[in-house]
């Protein structure tokens, strides 16, 4: 039994952020080595693992077709190769994907009108402008009608594009050369 192991056999790897792949505990001890691969045992969950173990996780919302697609691609009967499918439980959950989905939707809506541009560099410049607009000027309902810059404590004194441009010219940051030829 693991609990019967003498305390000196317990090795914690807090310095290296080494954790059990099963439960996340840092109370692991060496179980030996085979073919140059060290094996460990977790004192908390009493399971064995190696440093080569990979635990892959995929987060999606609860749309039913995701489950079927996930199983058709990732299903395996071997526990060592299994990928965990996590579903979003809503805004209060740690597996919440709603916020990133909202950002992706906003970016898609903005970039959809850029498909006819001749150069990707022009689209990149416009997307950079959209990101600045999104962070400095667009008030978000989830942030109580504040901008992300205000919420982060940056962007004081920036009320419009002119303020942002003036701040850019005053900063010692290296400016990138912009060309709008052939947009």
N, C-alpha and C. Protein backbone atom coordinates (compact mmCIF):
# COMPACT_ATOMS: atom_id res chain seq x y z
N UNK A 1 0.84 -1.19 0.00
CA UNK A 1 0.00 0.00 0.00
C UNK A 1 0.88 1.25 0.00
N UNK A 2 0.39 2.27 -0.63
CA UNK A 2 1.14 3.52 -0.72
C UNK A 2 1.21 4.20 0.64
N UNK A 3 0.13 4.14 1.42
CA UNK A 3 0.12 4.81 2.72
C UNK A 3 1.13 4.19 3.68
N UNK A 4 1.51 2.93 3.45
CA UNK A 4 2.47 2.26 4.31
C UNK A 4 3.91 2.59 3.95
N UNK A 5 4.13 3.33 2.88
CA UNK A 5 5.49 3.67 2.46
C UNK A 5 6.12 4.58 3.51
N UNK A 6 7.40 4.39 3.80
CA UNK A 6 8.05 5.29 4.74
C UNK A 6 8.11 6.71 4.18
N UNK A 7 8.07 7.69 5.06
CA UNK A 7 7.98 9.09 4.64
C UNK A 7 9.19 9.52 3.80
N UNK A 8 10.37 8.94 4.06
CA UNK A 8 11.56 9.35 3.31
C UNK A 8 11.47 8.95 1.85
N UNK A 9 10.58 8.00 1.49
CA UNK A 9 10.44 7.58 0.09
C UNK A 9 9.60 8.57 -0.71
N UNK A 10 8.90 9.45 0.00
CA UNK A 10 8.04 10.41 -0.68
C UNK A 10 8.88 11.55 -1.22
N UNK A 11 8.75 11.83 -2.50
CA UNK A 11 9.49 12.91 -3.13
C UNK A 11 8.48 13.87 -3.73
N UNK A 12 8.48 15.11 -3.29
CA UNK A 12 7.60 16.09 -3.90
C UNK A 12 8.41 16.90 -4.89
N UNK A 13 7.81 17.19 -6.01
CA UNK A 13 8.49 17.91 -7.08
C UNK A 13 7.89 19.31 -7.25
N UNK A 14 7.65 19.99 -6.13
CA UNK A 14 7.05 21.32 -6.19
C UNK A 14 7.90 22.29 -7.00
N UNK A 15 9.23 22.16 -6.88
CA UNK A 15 10.11 23.11 -7.56
C UNK A 15 9.93 23.03 -9.08
N UNK A 16 9.68 21.84 -9.57
CA UNK A 16 9.58 21.64 -11.01
C UNK A 16 8.14 21.64 -11.49
N UNK A 17 7.19 21.89 -10.59
CA UNK A 17 5.76 21.86 -10.92
C UNK A 17 5.38 20.49 -11.50
N UNK A 18 5.97 19.43 -10.96
CA UNK A 18 5.71 18.07 -11.41
C UNK A 18 4.47 17.57 -10.69
N UNK A 19 3.45 17.17 -11.42
CA UNK A 19 2.18 16.77 -10.82
C UNK A 19 1.74 15.43 -11.36
N UNK A 20 0.90 14.77 -10.57
CA UNK A 20 0.28 13.52 -10.99
C UNK A 20 -0.63 13.81 -12.18
N UNK A 21 -0.55 12.98 -13.21
CA UNK A 21 -1.38 13.18 -14.39
C UNK A 21 -2.84 12.83 -14.14
N UNK A 22 -3.12 12.10 -13.05
CA UNK A 22 -4.48 11.66 -12.76
C UNK A 22 -5.23 12.66 -11.89
N UNK A 23 -4.59 13.13 -10.79
CA UNK A 23 -5.30 13.98 -9.83
C UNK A 23 -4.67 15.35 -9.66
N UNK A 24 -3.47 15.57 -10.18
CA UNK A 24 -2.82 16.88 -10.08
C UNK A 24 -2.01 17.08 -8.81
N UNK A 25 -1.94 16.08 -7.93
CA UNK A 25 -1.19 16.20 -6.69
C UNK A 25 0.31 16.26 -6.96
N UNK A 26 1.03 16.98 -6.10
CA UNK A 26 2.49 17.04 -6.21
C UNK A 26 3.15 16.02 -5.28
N UNK A 27 2.36 15.25 -4.55
CA UNK A 27 2.92 14.24 -3.64
C UNK A 27 3.09 12.93 -4.40
N UNK A 28 4.19 12.84 -5.12
CA UNK A 28 4.49 11.65 -5.91
C UNK A 28 5.85 11.11 -5.47
N UNK A 29 6.04 9.82 -5.66
CA UNK A 29 7.34 9.24 -5.35
C UNK A 29 7.75 8.30 -6.47
N UNK A 30 9.04 8.11 -6.58
CA UNK A 30 9.60 7.30 -7.65
C UNK A 30 9.25 5.84 -7.43
N UNK A 31 8.79 5.18 -8.47
CA UNK A 31 8.39 3.78 -8.41
C UNK A 31 9.41 2.89 -9.11
N UNK A 32 10.40 3.48 -9.71
CA UNK A 32 11.42 2.72 -10.41
C UNK A 32 11.60 3.24 -11.83
N UNK A 33 12.39 2.50 -12.60
CA UNK A 33 12.68 2.92 -13.96
C UNK A 33 12.69 1.69 -14.86
N UNK A 34 12.16 1.86 -16.08
CA UNK A 34 12.13 0.76 -17.05
C UNK A 34 12.45 1.33 -18.42
N UNK A 35 13.46 0.80 -19.09
CA UNK A 35 13.91 1.29 -20.40
C UNK A 35 14.19 2.79 -20.39
N UNK A 36 14.74 3.27 -19.30
CA UNK A 36 15.11 4.68 -19.20
C UNK A 36 13.95 5.61 -18.90
N UNK A 37 12.75 5.08 -18.71
CA UNK A 37 11.58 5.91 -18.41
C UNK A 37 11.26 5.78 -16.92
N UNK A 38 11.32 6.89 -16.15
CA UNK A 38 11.01 6.80 -14.73
C UNK A 38 9.50 6.62 -14.50
N UNK A 39 9.16 5.76 -13.57
CA UNK A 39 7.77 5.53 -13.19
C UNK A 39 7.54 6.13 -11.81
N UNK A 40 6.34 6.68 -11.62
CA UNK A 40 6.00 7.32 -10.36
C UNK A 40 4.67 6.78 -9.85
N UNK A 41 4.45 6.97 -8.56
CA UNK A 41 3.19 6.61 -7.95
C UNK A 41 2.71 7.82 -7.16
N UNK A 42 1.43 8.08 -7.21
CA UNK A 42 0.86 9.22 -6.51
C UNK A 42 0.37 8.77 -5.13
N UNK A 43 0.76 9.48 -4.10
CA UNK A 43 0.34 9.13 -2.74
C UNK A 43 -1.14 9.43 -2.55
N UNK A 44 -1.66 10.43 -3.24
CA UNK A 44 -3.05 10.84 -3.04
C UNK A 44 -4.03 9.89 -3.72
N UNK A 45 -3.85 9.64 -5.02
CA UNK A 45 -4.82 8.81 -5.76
C UNK A 45 -4.35 7.37 -5.95
N UNK A 46 -3.11 7.07 -5.53
CA UNK A 46 -2.55 5.72 -5.56
C UNK A 46 -2.49 5.13 -6.97
N UNK A 47 -2.23 5.97 -7.97
CA UNK A 47 -2.12 5.50 -9.35
C UNK A 47 -0.71 5.70 -9.85
N UNK A 48 -0.29 4.82 -10.78
CA UNK A 48 1.04 4.90 -11.37
C UNK A 48 0.99 5.70 -12.66
N UNK A 49 2.10 6.37 -12.96
CA UNK A 49 2.21 7.11 -14.21
C UNK A 49 3.68 7.32 -14.53
N UNK A 50 3.95 7.76 -15.75
CA UNK A 50 5.32 8.06 -16.17
C UNK A 50 5.39 9.51 -16.60
N UNK A 51 6.60 9.98 -16.82
CA UNK A 51 6.76 11.35 -17.31
C UNK A 51 6.38 11.45 -18.78
N UNK A 52 6.23 10.31 -19.44
CA UNK A 52 5.85 10.30 -20.85
C UNK A 52 4.34 10.34 -21.04
N UNK A 53 3.57 10.18 -19.94
CA UNK A 53 2.11 10.20 -20.06
C UNK A 53 1.65 11.55 -20.57
N UNK A 54 0.73 11.54 -21.50
CA UNK A 54 0.13 12.78 -21.98
C UNK A 54 -1.37 12.66 -21.81
N UNK A 55 -1.94 13.60 -21.15
CA UNK A 55 -3.38 13.61 -20.95
C UNK A 55 -3.94 14.78 -21.74
N UNK A 56 -4.52 14.45 -22.85
CA UNK A 56 -5.05 15.47 -23.73
C UNK A 56 -6.49 15.76 -23.36
N UNK A 57 -6.87 17.02 -23.45
CA UNK A 57 -8.24 17.42 -23.15
C UNK A 57 -8.73 18.33 -24.25
N UNK A 58 -10.00 18.20 -24.60
CA UNK A 58 -10.61 19.07 -25.58
C UNK A 58 -11.87 19.67 -24.95
N UNK A 59 -11.99 20.99 -25.03
CA UNK A 59 -13.15 21.66 -24.47
C UNK A 59 -14.10 22.09 -25.58
N UNK A 60 -15.38 21.77 -25.41
CA UNK A 60 -16.41 22.20 -26.35
C UNK A 60 -17.64 22.60 -25.56
N UNK A 61 -18.63 23.17 -26.25
CA UNK A 61 -19.90 23.38 -25.57
C UNK A 61 -20.69 22.08 -25.63
N UNK A 62 -21.94 22.09 -25.19
CA UNK A 62 -22.70 20.85 -25.07
C UNK A 62 -23.47 20.46 -26.33
N UNK A 63 -23.11 21.01 -27.46
CA UNK A 63 -23.80 20.65 -28.70
C UNK A 63 -23.62 19.15 -28.95
N UNK A 64 -24.73 18.45 -29.20
CA UNK A 64 -24.72 16.99 -29.29
C UNK A 64 -23.80 16.48 -30.41
N UNK A 65 -23.74 17.17 -31.52
CA UNK A 65 -22.92 16.69 -32.63
C UNK A 65 -21.43 16.71 -32.29
N UNK A 66 -20.99 17.55 -31.34
CA UNK A 66 -19.59 17.54 -30.93
C UNK A 66 -19.21 16.21 -30.30
N UNK A 67 -20.11 15.65 -29.50
CA UNK A 67 -19.83 14.38 -28.83
C UNK A 67 -19.62 13.26 -29.86
N UNK A 68 -20.48 13.20 -30.85
CA UNK A 68 -20.35 12.17 -31.89
C UNK A 68 -19.06 12.36 -32.69
N UNK A 69 -18.77 13.60 -33.07
CA UNK A 69 -17.55 13.88 -33.84
C UNK A 69 -16.30 13.58 -33.00
N UNK A 70 -16.34 13.95 -31.73
CA UNK A 70 -15.21 13.69 -30.84
C UNK A 70 -14.94 12.18 -30.75
N UNK A 71 -15.99 11.40 -30.55
CA UNK A 71 -15.81 9.95 -30.44
C UNK A 71 -15.32 9.33 -31.74
N UNK A 72 -15.78 9.85 -32.87
CA UNK A 72 -15.35 9.26 -34.14
C UNK A 72 -13.87 9.52 -34.42
N UNK A 73 -13.32 10.59 -33.87
CA UNK A 73 -11.91 10.91 -34.10
C UNK A 73 -11.01 10.41 -32.96
N UNK A 74 -11.43 10.61 -31.72
CA UNK A 74 -10.53 10.38 -30.58
C UNK A 74 -10.80 9.12 -29.79
N UNK A 75 -11.87 8.39 -30.06
CA UNK A 75 -12.19 7.23 -29.22
C UNK A 75 -11.12 6.15 -29.34
N UNK A 76 -10.73 5.62 -28.21
CA UNK A 76 -9.85 4.46 -28.15
C UNK A 76 -10.20 3.66 -26.90
N UNK A 77 -10.05 2.37 -26.97
CA UNK A 77 -10.36 1.56 -25.79
C UNK A 77 -9.18 1.48 -24.84
N UNK A 78 -8.04 2.01 -25.24
CA UNK A 78 -6.84 1.98 -24.41
C UNK A 78 -6.78 3.24 -23.55
N UNK A 79 -6.79 3.05 -22.25
CA UNK A 79 -6.85 4.19 -21.33
C UNK A 79 -5.64 5.11 -21.46
N UNK A 80 -4.47 4.55 -21.79
CA UNK A 80 -3.27 5.37 -21.88
C UNK A 80 -3.32 6.38 -23.03
N UNK A 81 -4.09 6.07 -24.07
CA UNK A 81 -4.17 6.94 -25.24
C UNK A 81 -5.43 7.78 -25.28
N UNK A 82 -6.23 7.71 -24.25
CA UNK A 82 -7.54 8.35 -24.25
C UNK A 82 -7.44 9.87 -24.13
N UNK A 83 -8.30 10.56 -24.85
CA UNK A 83 -8.42 12.01 -24.79
C UNK A 83 -9.70 12.32 -24.04
N UNK A 84 -9.64 13.26 -23.10
CA UNK A 84 -10.81 13.61 -22.31
C UNK A 84 -11.61 14.69 -23.01
N UNK A 85 -12.92 14.50 -23.08
CA UNK A 85 -13.81 15.49 -23.69
C UNK A 85 -14.51 16.25 -22.58
N UNK A 86 -14.18 17.52 -22.41
CA UNK A 86 -14.80 18.37 -21.41
C UNK A 86 -15.85 19.23 -22.08
N UNK A 87 -16.99 19.39 -21.43
CA UNK A 87 -18.03 20.26 -21.99
C UNK A 87 -18.21 21.47 -21.08
N UNK A 88 -18.56 22.57 -21.67
CA UNK A 88 -18.78 23.80 -20.94
C UNK A 88 -20.03 23.67 -20.08
N UNK A 89 -19.93 24.14 -18.85
CA UNK A 89 -21.07 24.07 -17.94
C UNK A 89 -21.72 25.43 -17.73
N UNK A 90 -21.39 26.41 -18.56
CA UNK A 90 -21.98 27.73 -18.41
C UNK A 90 -20.96 28.75 -17.93
N UNK A 91 -21.42 29.97 -17.67
CA UNK A 91 -20.51 31.06 -17.33
C UNK A 91 -19.78 30.87 -16.01
N UNK A 92 -20.38 30.19 -15.04
CA UNK A 92 -19.74 30.02 -13.74
C UNK A 92 -18.74 28.89 -13.69
N UNK A 93 -18.62 28.12 -14.74
CA UNK A 93 -17.79 26.93 -14.76
C UNK A 93 -16.34 27.26 -15.13
N UNK A 94 -15.41 26.38 -14.69
CA UNK A 94 -14.02 26.53 -15.10
C UNK A 94 -13.82 26.11 -16.54
N UNK A 95 -14.72 25.30 -17.08
CA UNK A 95 -14.62 24.86 -18.47
C UNK A 95 -15.46 25.75 -19.38
N UNK A 96 -15.62 27.00 -19.01
CA UNK A 96 -16.42 27.94 -19.77
C UNK A 96 -15.72 28.32 -21.07
N UNK A 97 -16.39 28.13 -22.18
CA UNK A 97 -15.83 28.53 -23.47
C UNK A 97 -16.66 29.63 -24.12
N UNK A 98 -17.69 30.11 -23.41
CA UNK A 98 -18.58 31.11 -23.99
C UNK A 98 -17.88 32.42 -24.31
N UNK A 99 -16.96 32.83 -23.44
CA UNK A 99 -16.27 34.11 -23.67
C UNK A 99 -15.38 34.05 -24.90
N UNK A 100 -14.65 32.97 -25.07
CA UNK A 100 -13.77 32.87 -26.24
C UNK A 100 -14.61 32.70 -27.50
N UNK A 101 -15.75 32.00 -27.40
CA UNK A 101 -16.65 31.86 -28.55
C UNK A 101 -17.18 33.23 -28.97
N UNK A 102 -17.47 34.08 -28.00
CA UNK A 102 -17.96 35.42 -28.31
C UNK A 102 -16.89 36.24 -29.01
N UNK A 103 -15.65 36.14 -28.56
CA UNK A 103 -14.55 36.84 -29.21
C UNK A 103 -14.35 36.33 -30.63
N UNK A 104 -14.38 35.00 -30.81
CA UNK A 104 -14.23 34.44 -32.15
C UNK A 104 -15.34 34.92 -33.07
N UNK A 105 -16.55 35.00 -32.54
CA UNK A 105 -17.68 35.48 -33.34
C UNK A 105 -17.48 36.94 -33.77
N UNK A 106 -16.98 37.76 -32.84
CA UNK A 106 -16.73 39.17 -33.17
C UNK A 106 -15.64 39.30 -34.23
N UNK A 107 -14.58 38.53 -34.10
CA UNK A 107 -13.49 38.58 -35.09
C UNK A 107 -13.97 38.08 -36.44
N UNK A 108 -14.76 37.01 -36.45
CA UNK A 108 -15.28 36.47 -37.71
C UNK A 108 -16.18 37.50 -38.39
N UNK A 109 -17.02 38.15 -37.60
CA UNK A 109 -17.92 39.17 -38.16
C UNK A 109 -17.11 40.31 -38.78
N UNK A 110 -16.02 40.68 -38.15
CA UNK A 110 -15.20 41.79 -38.65
C UNK A 110 -14.38 41.38 -39.87
N UNK A 111 -13.80 40.17 -39.85
CA UNK A 111 -12.93 39.76 -40.95
C UNK A 111 -13.70 39.28 -42.17
N UNK A 112 -14.97 38.99 -42.02
CA UNK A 112 -15.77 38.51 -43.15
C UNK A 112 -15.80 39.54 -44.28
N UNK A 113 -15.79 40.81 -43.93
CA UNK A 113 -15.82 41.86 -44.95
C UNK A 113 -14.45 42.10 -45.57
N UNK A 114 -13.41 41.45 -45.07
CA UNK A 114 -12.05 41.63 -45.59
C UNK A 114 -11.68 40.57 -46.62
N UNK A 115 -12.55 39.67 -46.95
CA UNK A 115 -12.21 38.58 -47.85
C UNK A 115 -11.82 39.03 -49.24
N UNK A 116 -12.28 40.19 -49.68
CA UNK A 116 -11.99 40.66 -51.02
C UNK A 116 -10.72 41.51 -51.09
N UNK A 117 -10.02 41.68 -50.00
CA UNK A 117 -8.78 42.45 -50.03
C UNK A 117 -7.72 41.69 -50.80
N UNK A 118 -6.86 42.43 -51.53
CA UNK A 118 -5.87 41.79 -52.39
C UNK A 118 -4.66 41.27 -51.62
N UNK A 119 -4.32 41.90 -50.50
CA UNK A 119 -3.13 41.51 -49.74
C UNK A 119 -3.51 41.15 -48.31
N UNK A 120 -2.88 40.13 -47.80
CA UNK A 120 -3.16 39.74 -46.42
C UNK A 120 -2.59 40.76 -45.44
N UNK A 121 -1.57 41.51 -45.85
CA UNK A 121 -0.99 42.54 -44.98
C UNK A 121 -2.01 43.63 -44.68
N UNK A 122 -2.83 43.97 -45.66
CA UNK A 122 -3.86 44.98 -45.46
C UNK A 122 -4.90 44.46 -44.47
N UNK A 123 -5.29 43.22 -44.63
CA UNK A 123 -6.25 42.62 -43.70
C UNK A 123 -5.67 42.58 -42.29
N UNK A 124 -4.37 42.33 -42.18
CA UNK A 124 -3.71 42.30 -40.89
C UNK A 124 -3.74 43.67 -40.22
N UNK A 125 -3.51 44.72 -41.00
CA UNK A 125 -3.56 46.08 -40.47
C UNK A 125 -4.96 46.41 -39.98
N UNK A 126 -5.96 46.05 -40.79
CA UNK A 126 -7.34 46.31 -40.40
C UNK A 126 -7.73 45.50 -39.16
N UNK A 127 -7.25 44.27 -39.07
CA UNK A 127 -7.55 43.44 -37.90
C UNK A 127 -6.88 44.01 -36.66
N UNK A 128 -5.66 44.53 -36.80
CA UNK A 128 -5.00 45.19 -35.67
C UNK A 128 -5.83 46.39 -35.19
N UNK A 129 -6.38 47.13 -36.14
CA UNK A 129 -7.25 48.25 -35.79
C UNK A 129 -8.50 47.79 -35.07
N UNK A 130 -9.07 46.67 -35.52
CA UNK A 130 -10.26 46.14 -34.86
C UNK A 130 -9.94 45.70 -33.43
N UNK A 131 -8.77 45.09 -33.24
CA UNK A 131 -8.38 44.66 -31.89
C UNK A 131 -8.23 45.87 -30.98
N UNK A 132 -7.63 46.95 -31.48
CA UNK A 132 -7.53 48.18 -30.69
C UNK A 132 -8.91 48.74 -30.38
N UNK A 133 -9.80 48.74 -31.37
CA UNK A 133 -11.17 49.21 -31.16
C UNK A 133 -11.86 48.35 -30.10
N UNK A 134 -11.69 47.03 -30.20
CA UNK A 134 -12.34 46.08 -29.29
C UNK A 134 -11.84 46.29 -27.86
N UNK A 135 -10.54 46.55 -27.71
CA UNK A 135 -9.96 46.67 -26.37
C UNK A 135 -10.07 48.06 -25.75
N UNK A 136 -10.04 49.13 -26.58
CA UNK A 136 -10.00 50.48 -26.03
C UNK A 136 -11.31 51.25 -26.15
N UNK A 137 -12.15 50.93 -27.12
CA UNK A 137 -13.33 51.77 -27.36
C UNK A 137 -14.66 51.06 -27.22
N UNK A 138 -14.72 49.77 -27.46
CA UNK A 138 -15.97 49.03 -27.42
C UNK A 138 -16.33 48.68 -25.98
N UNK A 139 -17.45 49.21 -25.52
CA UNK A 139 -17.90 48.91 -24.16
C UNK A 139 -18.56 47.54 -24.14
N UNK A 140 -18.17 46.72 -23.18
CA UNK A 140 -18.66 45.35 -23.09
C UNK A 140 -19.72 45.24 -22.01
N UNK A 141 -20.81 44.59 -22.35
CA UNK A 141 -21.88 44.39 -21.38
C UNK A 141 -21.44 43.54 -20.20
N UNK A 142 -20.59 42.56 -20.44
CA UNK A 142 -20.13 41.69 -19.36
C UNK A 142 -19.17 42.41 -18.42
N UNK A 143 -18.66 43.57 -18.83
CA UNK A 143 -17.74 44.35 -17.99
C UNK A 143 -18.43 45.60 -17.45
N UNK A 144 -19.75 45.56 -17.34
CA UNK A 144 -20.54 46.70 -16.84
C UNK A 144 -20.30 47.96 -17.66
N UNK A 145 -20.38 47.82 -18.98
CA UNK A 145 -20.21 48.92 -19.93
C UNK A 145 -18.85 49.59 -19.82
N UNK A 146 -17.84 48.80 -19.51
CA UNK A 146 -16.46 49.28 -19.49
C UNK A 146 -15.71 48.58 -20.60
N UNK A 147 -14.61 49.18 -21.03
CA UNK A 147 -13.78 48.55 -22.05
C UNK A 147 -12.78 47.61 -21.36
N UNK A 148 -12.24 46.62 -22.09
CA UNK A 148 -11.22 45.76 -21.48
C UNK A 148 -10.00 46.55 -21.00
N UNK A 149 -9.64 47.61 -21.70
CA UNK A 149 -8.50 48.44 -21.27
C UNK A 149 -8.79 49.10 -19.93
N UNK A 150 -10.01 49.62 -19.76
CA UNK A 150 -10.37 50.23 -18.48
C UNK A 150 -10.37 49.18 -17.37
N UNK A 151 -10.87 48.00 -17.67
CA UNK A 151 -10.92 46.92 -16.68
C UNK A 151 -9.51 46.49 -16.27
N UNK A 152 -8.57 46.53 -17.21
CA UNK A 152 -7.18 46.14 -16.92
C UNK A 152 -6.38 47.27 -16.29
N UNK A 153 -6.96 48.47 -16.24
CA UNK A 153 -6.26 49.60 -15.64
C UNK A 153 -5.29 50.29 -16.58
N UNK A 154 -5.42 50.02 -17.88
CA UNK A 154 -4.59 50.71 -18.87
C UNK A 154 -5.51 51.55 -19.75
N UNK A 155 -4.96 52.42 -20.50
CA UNK A 155 -5.76 53.20 -21.42
C UNK A 155 -6.42 54.41 -20.80
N UNK A 156 -5.91 54.87 -19.65
CA UNK A 156 -6.46 56.10 -19.07
C UNK A 156 -6.11 57.26 -19.99
N UNK A 157 -7.06 58.10 -20.26
CA UNK A 157 -6.83 59.24 -21.13
C UNK A 157 -7.03 58.91 -22.60
N UNK A 158 -7.43 57.70 -22.91
CA UNK A 158 -7.70 57.33 -24.31
C UNK A 158 -9.21 57.28 -24.48
N UNK A 159 -9.72 58.28 -25.17
CA UNK A 159 -11.16 58.34 -25.39
C UNK A 159 -11.55 58.16 -26.84
N UNK A 160 -10.58 58.35 -27.74
CA UNK A 160 -10.89 58.20 -29.17
C UNK A 160 -9.61 57.79 -29.90
N UNK A 161 -9.74 57.61 -31.22
CA UNK A 161 -8.59 57.18 -32.02
C UNK A 161 -7.46 58.21 -32.01
N UNK A 162 -7.79 59.48 -31.96
CA UNK A 162 -6.77 60.53 -31.93
C UNK A 162 -5.88 60.40 -30.70
N UNK A 163 -6.50 60.15 -29.54
CA UNK A 163 -5.73 59.96 -28.31
C UNK A 163 -4.80 58.75 -28.42
N UNK A 164 -5.30 57.68 -29.02
CA UNK A 164 -4.50 56.47 -29.16
C UNK A 164 -3.32 56.70 -30.11
N UNK A 165 -3.56 57.41 -31.20
CA UNK A 165 -2.48 57.71 -32.16
C UNK A 165 -1.44 58.62 -31.53
N UNK A 166 -1.88 59.65 -30.80
CA UNK A 166 -0.93 60.55 -30.12
C UNK A 166 -0.10 59.80 -29.09
N UNK A 167 -0.72 58.89 -28.36
CA UNK A 167 0.01 58.10 -27.38
C UNK A 167 1.04 57.21 -28.07
N UNK A 168 0.70 56.68 -29.23
CA UNK A 168 1.62 55.83 -29.98
C UNK A 168 2.85 56.62 -30.41
N UNK A 169 2.65 57.85 -30.87
CA UNK A 169 3.79 58.66 -31.31
C UNK A 169 4.65 59.12 -30.14
N UNK A 170 4.07 59.27 -28.96
CA UNK A 170 4.84 59.70 -27.80
C UNK A 170 5.62 58.56 -27.16
N UNK A 171 5.20 57.32 -27.40
CA UNK A 171 5.85 56.18 -26.73
C UNK A 171 7.17 55.84 -27.42
N UNK A 172 8.13 55.30 -26.66
CA UNK A 172 9.43 54.96 -27.24
C UNK A 172 9.43 53.60 -27.96
N UNK A 173 8.27 53.03 -28.17
CA UNK A 173 8.18 51.72 -28.82
C UNK A 173 8.54 51.85 -30.29
N UNK A 174 9.22 50.85 -30.82
CA UNK A 174 9.60 50.85 -32.23
C UNK A 174 8.33 50.72 -33.06
N UNK A 175 8.20 51.61 -34.04
CA UNK A 175 7.01 51.60 -34.88
C UNK A 175 7.25 50.73 -36.10
N UNK A 176 6.21 50.02 -36.53
CA UNK A 176 6.36 49.19 -37.72
C UNK A 176 5.96 49.99 -38.94
N UNK A 177 6.60 49.71 -40.04
CA UNK A 177 6.34 50.39 -41.30
C UNK A 177 5.07 49.82 -41.92
N UNK A 178 4.15 50.68 -42.29
CA UNK A 178 2.86 50.26 -42.83
C UNK A 178 2.77 50.70 -44.28
N UNK A 179 2.35 49.78 -45.14
CA UNK A 179 2.16 50.11 -46.54
C UNK A 179 0.76 49.70 -46.95
N UNK A 180 0.04 50.61 -47.56
CA UNK A 180 -1.32 50.31 -48.01
C UNK A 180 -1.38 50.20 -49.53
N UNK A 181 -0.25 49.96 -50.18
CA UNK A 181 -0.23 49.83 -51.64
C UNK A 181 -1.01 48.61 -52.08
N UNK A 182 -1.91 48.78 -53.00
CA UNK A 182 -2.64 47.68 -53.61
C UNK A 182 -3.65 47.00 -52.72
N UNK A 183 -4.26 47.74 -51.81
CA UNK A 183 -5.26 47.11 -50.95
C UNK A 183 -6.52 46.90 -51.73
